[in-house]
Amino acid sequence: MITLLDYGAGNVRSVRNAIRKLGFTVKDVTCAADIVAADKLVFPGVGSFGTVMERLIRDGYDKALQERIRLNRPLLGICVALQALFDGSEESPGVPGLGVIPGMIRRFATPGLSVPQIGWNGILPKKDSPLLADYKGEKLYFVHSYHAEVDDNCDDWLLATTCYGSEFVSAVEKGNVTAFQFHPEKSGRVGLAILNNFLCRQEGLAVSGVPSRVEKGGTTSLAKRIIACLDVRSNDAGDLVVTKGDQYDVREQGEVRNLGKPVDLARRYYEAGADEITFLNITGFRDFPLEDQPMLEVLKRTSENVFVPLTIGGGIRSFTAADGRYYSALDVASEYFRSGADKISIGSDAVYEVERYLAEGVKSGTSAIEQISIVYGAQAVVISIDPRRVYVASPDDTPHAAIATRFPGPDGERYCWYQCTVQGGREGRDIDVVQLAQVCELLGAGEILLNCIDRDGTNSGFDLELIAQVKKAVHIPVIASSGAGRAEHFIEVFTATNADAALAAGIFHRHEVGIDEVKKAVADAGIEVRR
């Protein structure tokens, strides 16, 4: 029996599913006494530091955790739970941590570094631990903007470090208390093996493998991510299917193109080595009560067998259901997180909010971006941008951020700017991609999913000019999307733009290019990927 500290923040379902997948039964903490009494406790820290600590303090869980650690009872902390062991964090000034390890949590501040760190990185073990007995340098999944510094304060706790700009604490352990900055439940088979070592060790069972050889020095590096995207909608019979079209037209001979079932395809891509799975809901479903939203069931079922990050986009906005019930964007996002999503993607609503911000010059504090970011952290908010080219003869012909292009317009124009659109690319707005990306970062977004209407479904390669422009304009990670047709296109986008990740859909669905083929080509080109 494993006791899970579920205090109502973020995607705890994946931790629960991972424990069950490994053959253990899960019991939830119901009161502070359960924390101290549990035989084995898993503490998943999901969300911002302030939100996590405020909820723990509200329920008296902070004192119970401190007592459990004092008693040296088995505990595994994940992500923000590691940070909560320290005195406090720059993320939430004035909010106390558990104070078990001296020191403050700091924000990544290396110039030119994408923050948050999102993706797959390695760890450098600093001492032997049965939890890392089978670890052989594989990549593990990180998603965070803040980190614990390597210094004398944590010497007796330090288990492993990772390099991102500089070396930071990625694992701590003292006695029976262990915490990871990475997410073992989102790190595929390697992460599940590490989690299993904790669970088996606490059961008194032998842990297979030889203890890790402690390396002196060394380095790690963040991998470029290959993401599989599933556009999901209902067909004319009402069934949810994965579809894809040219220039957003998903019908073929009058019928919605059906490329497979979303849960089945997601599992296939996970087993093929996809670093993340993104679901884009392209059917409204907004008249349903929130608990009946079809995509919630897709997430719940997918997260039972897919142990890499899941993103959900489409319909993450406030709405009133047919029965008269009102749901805020935060309500909707919370339900998706609780159903298995790790990140949510916001599209048209982001454009409308940026238009409001540019007109008024102040944050509203009520936008979906701000509310979700405050509660769950910037890393949980992805902005999906659908821009299209607008050609001009000269940069002076537009107030927008124009670039010189290698692909002249219909009348020989040598410049263009990228107009942001809403409603699935059907309506253009008087706002350019740089304005949108920069303001969304200011409002609290943690990542950009950068589509390109002009390239969608063409298989002609990513729009490198668009991606390079946005990558230079923001400090948060950028995912390149739209246009991939062969493995070489992924090499091009990583080398020409330094994009943090690249996403594809149709070529994977139609078996034109495999994820393993893409990763091999990228790795052979000398670019770091998770293999």
Protein backbone atom coordinates (compact mmCIF):
# COMPACT_ATOMS: atom_id res chain seq x y z
CA MET A 1 0.00 0.00 0.00
CA ILE A 2 1.47 3.32 -1.11
CA THR A 3 0.14 6.54 0.40
CA LEU A 4 -0.14 9.48 -2.00
CA LEU A 5 -0.18 13.07 -0.81
CA ASP A 6 -2.79 14.48 -3.20
CA TYR A 7 -3.50 18.04 -2.08
CA GLY A 8 -5.41 19.13 -5.17
CA ALA A 9 -2.69 20.59 -7.39
CA GLY A 10 -1.76 19.64 -10.93
CA ASN A 11 -1.48 16.26 -12.58
CA VAL A 12 -1.32 13.77 -9.73
CA ARG A 13 -3.15 11.16 -11.81
CA SER A 14 0.06 10.22 -13.64
CA VAL A 15 1.83 9.44 -10.37
CA ARG A 16 -1.14 7.38 -9.25
CA ASN A 17 -1.21 5.52 -12.58
CA ALA A 18 2.54 4.87 -12.50
CA ILE A 19 2.33 3.34 -9.01
CA ARG A 20 -0.57 1.14 -10.07
CA LYS A 21 1.23 0.17 -13.29
CA LEU A 22 4.07 -1.14 -11.11
CA GLY A 23 1.64 -3.37 -9.21
CA PHE A 24 1.06 -1.37 -6.04
CA THR A 25 -2.14 -0.14 -4.44
CA VAL A 26 -2.59 3.57 -3.77
CA LYS A 27 -4.20 5.17 -0.74
CA ASP A 28 -4.78 8.93 -0.50
CA VAL A 29 -3.84 11.07 2.48
CA THR A 30 -7.06 12.16 4.21
CA CYS A 31 -5.58 14.05 7.19
CA ALA A 32 -2.23 15.19 8.54
CA ALA A 33 -1.92 12.07 10.70
CA ASP A 34 -1.87 9.90 7.59
CA ILE A 35 1.34 11.61 6.46
CA VAL A 36 3.22 10.58 9.59
CA ALA A 37 1.67 7.11 9.85
CA ALA A 38 2.02 5.96 6.23
CA ASP A 39 4.43 3.10 5.56
CA LYS A 40 5.48 4.64 2.26
CA LEU A 41 4.62 8.21 1.21
CA VAL A 42 4.87 9.76 -2.25
CA PHE A 43 4.73 13.58 -2.29
CA PRO A 44 4.23 14.89 -5.88
CA GLY A 45 4.86 18.62 -5.97
CA VAL A 46 2.90 19.90 -8.94
CA GLY A 47 2.31 23.64 -9.41
CA SER A 48 3.99 26.83 -8.26
CA PHE A 49 6.00 26.88 -5.02
CA GLY A 50 3.60 29.31 -3.33
CA THR A 51 0.49 27.35 -4.26
CA VAL A 52 2.01 24.08 -3.02
CA MET A 53 3.17 25.50 0.31
CA GLU A 54 0.00 27.46 0.96
CA ARG A 55 -2.11 24.34 0.51
CA LEU A 56 0.19 22.29 2.72
CA ILE A 57 0.11 24.94 5.45
CA ARG A 58 -3.66 25.35 5.14
CA ASP A 59 -4.25 21.67 5.87
CA GLY A 60 -1.51 21.28 8.48
CA TYR A 61 0.44 19.01 6.15
CA ASP A 62 3.64 21.03 6.48
CA LYS A 63 4.13 20.11 10.15
CA ALA A 64 3.29 16.48 9.42
CA LEU A 65 5.87 16.34 6.62
CA GLN A 66 8.51 17.90 8.87
CA GLU A 67 7.74 15.30 11.53
CA ARG A 68 7.90 12.42 9.05
CA ILE A 69 11.28 13.61 7.80
CA ARG A 70 12.53 14.01 11.39
CA LEU A 71 11.49 10.41 12.05
CA ASN A 72 13.32 9.30 8.87
CA ARG A 73 10.26 7.54 7.51
CA PRO A 74 10.27 6.57 3.79
CA LEU A 75 9.27 9.48 1.57
CA LEU A 76 9.70 10.27 -2.12
CA GLY A 77 9.23 13.87 -3.25
CA ILE A 78 8.86 14.88 -6.90
CA CYS A 79 9.61 18.23 -8.61
CA VAL A 80 8.37 21.13 -6.46
CA ALA A 81 8.39 18.73 -3.51
CA LEU A 82 12.19 18.80 -3.68
CA GLN A 83 12.12 22.60 -3.69
CA ALA A 84 9.68 22.60 -0.75
CA LEU A 85 12.39 20.98 1.41
CA PHE A 86 14.33 24.27 1.33
CA ASP A 87 13.72 27.50 3.26
CA GLY A 88 11.90 29.33 0.46
CA SER A 89 11.85 30.22 -3.24
CA GLU A 90 12.26 33.30 -5.40
CA GLU A 91 9.10 32.14 -7.15
CA SER A 92 6.99 33.02 -4.09
CA PRO A 93 8.75 35.62 -1.89
CA GLY A 94 7.68 35.48 1.74
CA VAL A 95 6.22 31.97 1.53
CA PRO A 96 8.20 29.63 3.82
CA GLY A 97 9.30 26.19 2.70
CA LEU A 98 9.63 23.20 4.99
CA GLY A 99 13.12 24.35 6.05
CA VAL A 100 14.61 20.85 6.08
CA ILE A 101 17.55 21.88 3.86
CA PRO A 102 19.06 25.37 4.31
CA GLY A 103 18.93 27.72 1.32
CA MET A 104 16.69 29.39 -1.22
CA ILE A 105 15.41 28.13 -4.54
CA ARG A 106 16.59 30.38 -7.41
CA ARG A 107 15.33 31.06 -10.93
CA PHE A 108 17.50 30.00 -13.88
CA ALA A 109 19.29 33.17 -14.95
CA THR A 110 21.94 32.20 -17.52
CA PRO A 111 21.71 34.58 -20.51
CA GLY A 112 20.32 32.94 -23.64
CA LEU A 113 18.82 30.03 -21.72
CA SER A 114 15.21 29.05 -22.40
CA VAL A 115 13.27 29.18 -19.14
CA PRO A 116 11.49 27.02 -18.02
CA GLN A 117 13.76 24.08 -18.67
CA ILE A 118 11.33 21.74 -20.39
CA GLY A 119 12.47 18.39 -21.65
CA TRP A 120 14.84 15.48 -21.23
CA ASN A 121 18.17 15.85 -19.45
CA GLY A 122 20.54 13.55 -17.62
CA ILE A 123 21.69 13.38 -14.00
CA LEU A 124 25.14 13.00 -12.42
CA PRO A 125 24.93 10.76 -9.31
CA LYS A 126 27.07 12.05 -6.45
CA LYS A 127 26.68 9.06 -4.14
CA ASP A 128 25.36 5.52 -4.32
CA SER A 129 21.64 5.00 -3.88
CA PRO A 130 19.53 1.90 -4.46
CA LEU A 131 16.99 4.14 -6.24
CA LEU A 132 19.56 4.82 -8.97
CA ALA A 133 20.90 1.26 -9.05
CA ASP A 134 19.92 0.72 -12.69
CA TYR A 135 20.54 4.25 -13.95
CA LYS A 136 23.05 4.33 -16.81
CA GLY A 137 22.98 7.92 -17.98
CA GLU A 138 19.57 7.92 -19.68
CA LYS A 139 17.52 11.10 -20.11
CA LEU A 140 14.83 11.98 -17.56
CA TYR A 141 12.01 14.50 -17.87
CA PHE A 142 12.39 17.94 -16.27
CA VAL A 143 9.97 20.88 -16.32
CA HIS A 144 10.83 23.80 -14.03
CA SER A 145 11.91 27.44 -13.93
CA TYR A 146 13.48 27.34 -10.47
CA HIS A 147 16.19 25.17 -9.00
CA ALA A 148 18.24 24.42 -5.92
CA GLU A 149 21.83 25.58 -6.11
CA VAL A 150 24.75 23.26 -5.48
CA ASP A 151 26.50 24.57 -2.36
CA ASP A 152 27.72 23.51 1.06
CA ASN A 153 24.22 23.79 2.55
CA CYS A 154 23.07 20.58 0.88
CA ASP A 155 26.28 18.53 0.98
CA ASP A 156 24.90 15.79 3.22
CA TRP A 157 21.67 15.65 1.16
CA LEU A 158 23.11 15.82 -2.36
CA LEU A 159 22.29 12.74 -4.44
CA ALA A 160 22.60 13.99 -8.04
CA THR A 161 23.10 17.13 -10.09
CA THR A 162 22.18 18.19 -13.62
CA CYS A 163 23.61 20.85 -15.93
CA TYR A 164 21.41 23.54 -17.44
CA GLY A 165 23.31 26.78 -17.82
CA SER A 166 25.05 25.79 -14.60
CA GLU A 167 24.98 22.76 -12.33
CA PHE A 168 21.93 22.46 -10.09
CA VAL A 169 20.55 19.95 -7.58
CA SER A 170 18.43 17.34 -9.35
CA ALA A 171 18.10 14.79 -6.54
CA VAL A 172 18.54 14.75 -2.76
CA GLU A 173 18.57 11.87 -0.33
CA LYS A 174 19.22 11.44 3.37
CA GLY A 175 18.31 8.21 5.10
CA ASN A 176 14.87 7.14 3.89
CA VAL A 177 13.94 10.56 2.49
CA THR A 178 14.50 11.11 -1.25
CA ALA A 179 13.36 13.83 -3.65
CA PHE A 180 13.81 14.34 -7.39
CA GLN A 181 13.60 17.54 -9.43
CA PHE A 182 12.75 15.39 -12.47
CA HIS A 183 9.48 13.50 -12.93
CA PRO A 184 10.04 9.72 -12.79
CA GLU A 185 6.37 9.15 -13.67
CA LYS A 186 6.90 11.12 -16.90
CA SER A 187 10.31 9.67 -17.77
CA GLY A 188 9.19 6.56 -19.60
CA ARG A 189 10.58 3.15 -18.73
CA VAL A 190 13.69 4.55 -17.06
CA GLY A 191 11.61 6.72 -14.74
CA LEU A 192 9.29 3.85 -13.90
CA ALA A 193 12.31 1.70 -13.00
CA ILE A 194 13.57 4.39 -10.60
CA LEU A 195 10.12 4.74 -9.05
CA ASN A 196 9.87 0.96 -8.73
CA ASN A 197 13.21 0.88 -6.89
CA PHE A 198 11.76 3.23 -4.27
CA LEU A 199 8.57 1.21 -3.90
CA CYS A 200 10.35 -2.15 -3.76
CA ARG A 201 13.04 -0.90 -1.41
CA GLN A 202 10.39 0.22 1.03
CA GLU A 203 8.67 -3.14 0.73
CA GLY A 204 11.86 -4.76 1.95
CA LEU A 205 12.42 -6.44 -1.41
CA ALA A 206 15.82 -6.69 -3.05
CA VAL A 207 16.61 -4.07 -5.66
CA SER A 208 18.12 -5.53 -8.81
CA GLY A 209 21.26 -4.15 -10.35
CA VAL A 210 24.55 -2.80 -9.08
CA PRO A 211 24.68 0.54 -7.24
CA SER A 212 25.57 3.45 -9.49
CA ARG A 213 29.24 4.26 -9.87
CA VAL A 214 29.67 7.80 -8.64
CA GLU A 215 31.18 9.99 -11.36
CA LYS A 216 33.38 12.96 -10.53
CA GLY A 217 32.74 15.98 -12.72
CA GLY A 218 31.01 15.32 -16.02
CA THR A 219 28.15 17.16 -17.63
CA THR A 220 24.64 16.65 -18.95
CA SER A 221 22.71 18.30 -21.75
CA LEU A 222 19.09 18.97 -22.58
CA ALA A 223 17.78 17.00 -25.57
CA LYS A 224 15.75 18.40 -28.43
CA ARG A 225 12.22 17.04 -28.20
CA ILE A 226 10.28 15.21 -30.90
CA ILE A 227 6.55 15.59 -30.25
CA ALA A 228 3.67 13.66 -31.79
CA CYS A 229 0.50 15.73 -32.25
CA LEU A 230 -3.00 14.28 -32.47
CA ASP A 231 -5.77 16.49 -33.87
CA VAL A 232 -8.92 15.03 -32.32
CA ARG A 233 -12.50 15.67 -33.35
CA SER A 234 -15.78 13.82 -33.58
CA ASN A 235 -16.74 12.35 -36.93
CA ASP A 236 -20.25 12.40 -38.34
CA ALA A 237 -21.14 9.30 -36.32
CA GLY A 238 -20.11 11.04 -33.09
CA ASP A 239 -16.94 8.99 -32.51
CA LEU A 240 -13.69 10.68 -31.51
CA VAL A 241 -11.00 10.18 -34.16
CA VAL A 242 -7.54 11.48 -34.93
CA THR A 243 -7.64 13.42 -38.16
CA LYS A 244 -5.45 15.63 -40.30
CA GLY A 245 -6.01 17.76 -43.35
CA ASP A 246 -4.43 20.18 -45.75
CA GLN A 247 -4.73 23.81 -44.70
CA TYR A 248 -7.08 22.78 -41.86
CA ASP A 249 -9.55 20.92 -44.13
CA VAL A 250 -10.05 17.54 -42.44
CA ARG A 251 -12.70 16.08 -44.75
CA GLU A 252 -12.06 13.61 -47.53
CA GLN A 253 -14.88 12.77 -49.97
CA GLY A 254 -17.30 14.43 -47.59
CA GLU A 255 -16.28 12.41 -44.52
CA VAL A 256 -14.00 13.39 -41.65
CA ARG A 257 -10.62 11.79 -42.36
CA ASN A 258 -10.10 9.03 -39.77
CA LEU A 259 -6.47 8.19 -39.00
CA GLY A 260 -7.09 6.20 -35.83
CA LYS A 261 -8.34 6.32 -32.27
CA PRO A 262 -6.64 8.91 -30.04
CA VAL A 263 -5.86 6.63 -27.08
CA ASP A 264 -4.45 3.88 -29.29
CA LEU A 265 -2.33 6.25 -31.36
CA ALA A 266 -0.96 8.00 -28.27
CA ARG A 267 0.21 4.68 -26.84
CA ARG A 268 1.78 3.75 -30.19
CA TYR A 269 3.79 6.96 -30.25
CA TYR A 270 4.86 6.56 -26.63
CA GLU A 271 6.17 3.08 -27.37
CA ALA A 272 7.91 4.42 -30.50
CA GLY A 273 9.86 6.95 -28.41
CA ALA A 274 7.89 10.22 -28.67
CA ASP A 275 9.12 12.70 -26.07
CA GLU A 276 5.66 14.20 -25.59
CA ILE A 277 2.12 13.69 -26.85
CA THR A 278 -0.07 16.69 -27.72
CA PHE A 279 -3.83 16.44 -28.15
CA LEU A 280 -5.48 19.31 -30.01
CA ASN A 281 -9.25 19.20 -29.64
CA ILE A 282 -10.62 20.67 -32.88
CA THR A 283 -14.26 20.07 -32.00
CA GLY A 284 -15.90 22.56 -29.65
CA PHE A 285 -17.61 20.34 -27.04
CA ARG A 286 -18.37 23.57 -25.18
CA ASP A 287 -22.07 22.94 -24.58
CA PHE A 288 -21.40 19.91 -22.43
CA PRO A 289 -21.13 20.11 -18.63
CA LEU A 290 -17.44 20.06 -17.75
CA GLU A 291 -17.56 16.56 -16.30
CA ASP A 292 -18.90 15.23 -19.62
CA GLN A 293 -16.21 16.72 -21.84
CA PRO A 294 -15.11 13.82 -24.12
CA MET A 295 -11.43 14.79 -24.06
CA LEU A 296 -11.29 14.22 -20.30
CA GLU A 297 -11.89 10.52 -20.85
CA VAL A 298 -9.23 10.46 -23.57
CA LEU A 299 -6.70 11.89 -21.12
CA LYS A 300 -7.68 9.55 -18.31
CA ARG A 301 -7.33 6.46 -20.50
CA THR A 302 -4.14 7.64 -22.17
CA SER A 303 -2.39 8.42 -18.88
CA GLU A 304 -2.91 4.83 -17.72
CA ASN A 305 -0.26 3.55 -20.14
CA VAL A 306 1.59 6.58 -21.49
CA PHE A 307 4.32 7.87 -19.19
CA VAL A 308 5.60 10.93 -21.04
CA PRO A 309 4.11 14.44 -20.82
CA LEU A 310 0.62 15.05 -22.22
CA THR A 311 -0.56 18.43 -23.50
CA ILE A 312 -4.20 19.27 -24.24
CA GLY A 313 -5.36 22.18 -26.38
CA GLY A 314 -8.73 23.41 -27.59
CA GLY A 315 -11.62 24.51 -25.44
CA ILE A 316 -9.46 25.75 -22.54
CA ARG A 317 -11.57 28.82 -21.93
CA SER A 318 -14.46 30.01 -19.82
CA PHE A 319 -17.89 28.88 -21.01
CA THR A 320 -21.48 28.37 -19.93
CA ALA A 321 -22.85 24.88 -20.54
CA ALA A 322 -26.28 24.14 -21.93
CA ASP A 323 -27.51 23.47 -18.40
CA GLY A 324 -26.60 27.04 -17.38
CA ARG A 325 -23.52 26.21 -15.35
CA TYR A 326 -20.58 28.62 -15.74
CA TYR A 327 -16.98 27.42 -15.80
CA SER A 328 -13.93 29.66 -15.67
CA ALA A 329 -10.85 28.88 -17.76
CA LEU A 330 -9.12 27.92 -14.51
CA ASP A 331 -11.94 25.48 -13.71
CA VAL A 332 -11.58 23.89 -17.14
CA ALA A 333 -7.77 23.68 -16.94
CA SER A 334 -7.92 22.21 -13.43
CA GLU A 335 -10.21 19.43 -14.59
CA TYR A 336 -7.86 18.60 -17.46
CA PHE A 337 -4.87 18.52 -15.13
CA ARG A 338 -6.73 16.21 -12.77
CA SER A 339 -7.55 13.96 -15.73
CA GLY A 340 -3.92 13.47 -16.74
CA ALA A 341 -2.75 16.56 -18.64
CA ASP A 342 0.65 18.04 -17.77
CA LYS A 343 0.29 21.19 -19.88
CA ILE A 344 -2.62 23.02 -21.44
CA SER A 345 -2.53 24.93 -24.71
CA ILE A 346 -4.39 28.20 -25.27
CA GLY A 347 -5.06 29.53 -28.78
CA SER A 348 -7.63 32.14 -29.81
CA ASP A 349 -8.23 33.36 -26.26
CA ALA A 350 -4.55 34.28 -26.01
CA VAL A 351 -4.92 36.53 -29.06
CA TYR A 352 -7.93 38.30 -27.58
CA GLU A 353 -6.16 38.82 -24.26
CA VAL A 354 -3.05 40.24 -25.95
CA GLU A 355 -5.23 42.63 -27.96
CA ARG A 356 -6.76 43.83 -24.70
CA TYR A 357 -3.32 44.20 -23.09
CA LEU A 358 -1.94 46.20 -26.03
CA ALA A 359 -4.95 48.52 -25.91
CA GLU A 360 -4.90 49.08 -22.14
CA GLY A 361 -1.23 48.60 -21.27
CA VAL A 362 -1.86 46.66 -18.04
CA LYS A 363 -2.40 43.06 -17.02
CA SER A 364 -5.99 42.21 -16.22
CA GLY A 365 -5.10 39.54 -13.67
CA THR A 366 -8.14 37.60 -14.86
CA SER A 367 -6.88 36.09 -18.12
CA ALA A 368 -6.63 32.33 -18.48
CA ILE A 369 -2.86 32.65 -18.95
CA GLU A 370 -2.36 34.54 -15.70
CA GLN A 371 -4.73 32.49 -13.57
CA ILE A 372 -3.43 29.11 -14.69
CA SER A 373 0.21 30.20 -14.48
CA ILE A 374 -0.19 31.52 -10.93
CA VAL A 375 -1.74 28.29 -9.68
CA TYR A 376 0.10 25.66 -11.71
CA GLY A 377 3.28 27.45 -12.79
CA ALA A 378 4.36 28.95 -16.11
CA GLN A 379 5.55 25.55 -17.36
CA ALA A 380 1.91 24.38 -17.46
CA VAL A 381 0.80 27.05 -19.98
CA VAL A 382 1.50 26.65 -23.70
CA ILE A 383 0.42 29.30 -26.23
CA SER A 384 -0.62 27.85 -29.59
CA ILE A 385 -0.06 30.46 -32.30
CA ASP A 386 -1.52 30.14 -35.82
CA PRO A 387 0.15 32.86 -37.96
CA ARG A 388 0.12 33.44 -41.70
CA ARG A 389 2.34 35.52 -43.95
CA VAL A 390 1.35 39.01 -45.07
CA TYR A 391 3.70 40.31 -47.77
CA VAL A 392 4.82 43.95 -48.00
CA ALA A 393 7.13 45.75 -50.40
CA SER A 394 8.97 47.48 -47.54
CA PRO A 395 9.12 47.26 -43.73
CA ASP A 396 7.90 50.86 -43.75
CA ASP A 397 4.58 49.69 -45.20
CA THR A 398 3.48 48.08 -41.92
CA PRO A 399 3.75 48.85 -38.19
CA HIS A 400 4.28 45.15 -37.56
CA ALA A 401 7.54 43.21 -37.15
CA ALA A 402 8.52 42.57 -40.76
CA ILE A 403 11.41 40.43 -41.94
CA ALA A 404 13.29 40.07 -45.21
CA THR A 405 12.26 36.76 -46.74
CA ARG A 406 13.91 34.33 -49.13
CA PHE A 407 10.47 33.53 -50.54
CA PRO A 408 9.02 36.58 -52.37
CA GLY A 409 5.30 37.29 -52.36
CA PRO A 410 2.95 37.03 -55.38
CA ASP A 411 3.98 40.46 -56.61
CA GLY A 412 7.66 40.03 -55.84
CA GLU A 413 7.47 41.50 -52.31
CA ARG A 414 10.72 40.88 -50.44
CA TYR A 415 9.35 41.39 -46.93
CA CYS A 416 6.60 39.87 -44.83
CA TRP A 417 5.13 39.90 -41.37
CA TYR A 418 3.21 37.15 -39.64
CA GLN A 419 -0.41 37.91 -38.85
CA CYS A 420 -1.94 36.03 -35.92
CA THR A 421 -5.27 34.32 -36.51
CA VAL A 422 -8.15 32.98 -34.44
CA GLN A 423 -10.91 30.42 -34.97
CA GLY A 424 -8.61 27.74 -36.35
CA GLY A 425 -6.89 30.09 -38.80
CA ARG A 426 -10.12 31.35 -40.33
CA GLU A 427 -9.92 34.95 -39.07
CA GLY A 428 -6.90 37.26 -39.13
CA ARG A 429 -6.29 39.91 -36.46
CA ASP A 430 -4.26 43.11 -36.46
CA ILE A 431 -1.51 41.65 -34.30
CA ASP A 432 1.79 40.09 -35.28
CA VAL A 433 3.48 36.98 -33.98
CA VAL A 434 6.20 38.85 -32.07
CA GLN A 435 3.64 40.96 -30.20
CA LEU A 436 1.63 37.89 -29.30
CA ALA A 437 4.57 35.78 -28.16
CA GLN A 438 6.20 38.52 -26.08
CA VAL A 439 3.02 39.61 -24.31
CA CYS A 440 2.05 36.01 -23.57
CA GLU A 441 5.47 35.47 -21.99
CA LEU A 442 4.90 38.63 -19.92
CA LEU A 443 1.49 37.33 -18.79
CA GLY A 444 3.02 34.08 -17.54
CA ALA A 445 3.09 31.58 -20.40
CA GLY A 446 5.90 29.04 -20.30
CA GLU A 447 6.10 27.77 -23.87
CA ILE A 448 5.14 28.63 -27.46
CA LEU A 449 3.66 26.10 -29.89
CA LEU A 450 4.35 27.83 -33.20
CA ASN A 451 2.23 26.64 -36.11
CA CYS A 452 2.29 28.05 -39.63
CA ILE A 453 -0.87 28.17 -41.72
CA ASP A 454 1.12 28.57 -44.94
CA ARG A 455 3.06 25.34 -44.32
CA ASP A 456 0.39 23.18 -42.67
CA GLY A 457 -0.07 19.90 -44.54
CA THR A 458 2.45 20.80 -47.26
CA ASN A 459 5.29 18.44 -46.17
CA SER A 460 7.66 21.13 -47.48
CA GLY A 461 9.48 21.75 -44.20
CA PHE A 462 9.09 24.09 -41.25
CA ASP A 463 8.93 27.85 -41.81
CA LEU A 464 12.44 28.55 -40.58
CA GLU A 465 12.10 32.32 -40.94
CA LEU A 466 9.03 32.40 -38.71
CA ILE A 467 10.55 30.15 -36.06
CA ALA A 468 13.84 32.05 -35.98
CA GLN A 469 12.00 35.36 -35.55
CA VAL A 470 9.97 34.13 -32.59
CA LYS A 471 12.84 32.21 -31.00
CA LYS A 472 14.90 35.43 -30.91
CA ALA A 473 11.98 37.43 -29.50
CA VAL A 474 11.24 35.37 -26.37
CA HIS A 475 13.06 33.62 -23.55
CA ILE A 476 10.66 30.70 -23.17
CA PRO A 477 10.91 27.43 -25.16
CA VAL A 478 9.54 27.33 -28.71
CA ILE A 479 8.04 24.25 -30.36
CA ALA A 480 8.23 24.27 -34.16
CA SER A 481 5.12 22.96 -35.93
CA SER A 482 3.59 22.67 -39.41
CA GLY A 483 5.25 21.45 -42.59
CA ALA A 484 7.42 18.49 -41.59
CA GLY A 485 7.61 15.99 -44.42
CA ARG A 486 10.81 14.03 -43.83
CA ALA A 487 13.45 13.48 -41.15
CA GLU A 488 15.80 16.09 -42.64
CA HIS A 489 13.28 18.83 -41.86
CA PHE A 490 13.81 18.23 -38.14
CA ILE A 491 17.57 18.59 -38.55
CA GLU A 492 17.02 21.86 -40.45
CA VAL A 493 14.78 23.41 -37.82
CA PHE A 494 17.10 22.56 -34.93
CA THR A 495 20.26 23.78 -36.67
CA ALA A 496 18.81 26.88 -38.33
CA THR A 497 16.61 28.19 -35.51
CA ASN A 498 17.69 26.47 -32.27
CA ALA A 499 14.03 25.56 -31.65
CA ASP A 500 13.60 23.62 -28.42
CA ALA A 501 11.29 21.00 -29.90
CA ALA A 502 9.64 20.02 -33.16
CA LEU A 503 6.16 18.61 -33.63
CA ALA A 504 4.56 16.60 -36.41
CA ALA A 505 1.25 14.88 -37.00
CA GLY A 506 0.27 13.61 -40.45
CA ILE A 507 3.60 12.07 -41.39
CA PHE A 508 3.51 9.99 -38.21
CA HIS A 509 -0.16 9.04 -38.56
CA ARG A 510 0.27 7.91 -42.17
CA HIS A 511 3.50 5.99 -41.41
CA GLU A 512 5.39 8.17 -43.91
CA VAL A 513 8.16 8.84 -41.38
CA GLY A 514 8.69 7.09 -38.05
CA ILE A 515 9.65 8.75 -34.79
CA ASP A 516 12.63 6.41 -34.52
CA GLU A 517 13.71 7.42 -38.03
CA VAL A 518 13.53 11.10 -37.09
CA LYS A 519 15.52 10.60 -33.91
CA LYS A 520 18.21 8.56 -35.61
CA ALA A 521 18.65 11.19 -38.31
CA VAL A 522 18.79 14.03 -35.78
CA ALA A 523 21.26 12.14 -33.58
CA ASP A 524 23.43 11.25 -36.59
CA ALA A 525 23.58 14.98 -37.36
CA GLY A 526 25.17 15.56 -33.95
CA ILE A 527 22.06 16.96 -32.27
CA GLU A 528 21.20 15.75 -28.78
CA VAL A 529 18.01 13.68 -28.58
CA ARG A 530 16.62 11.06 -26.22
CA ARG A 531 17.12 7.60 -27.71
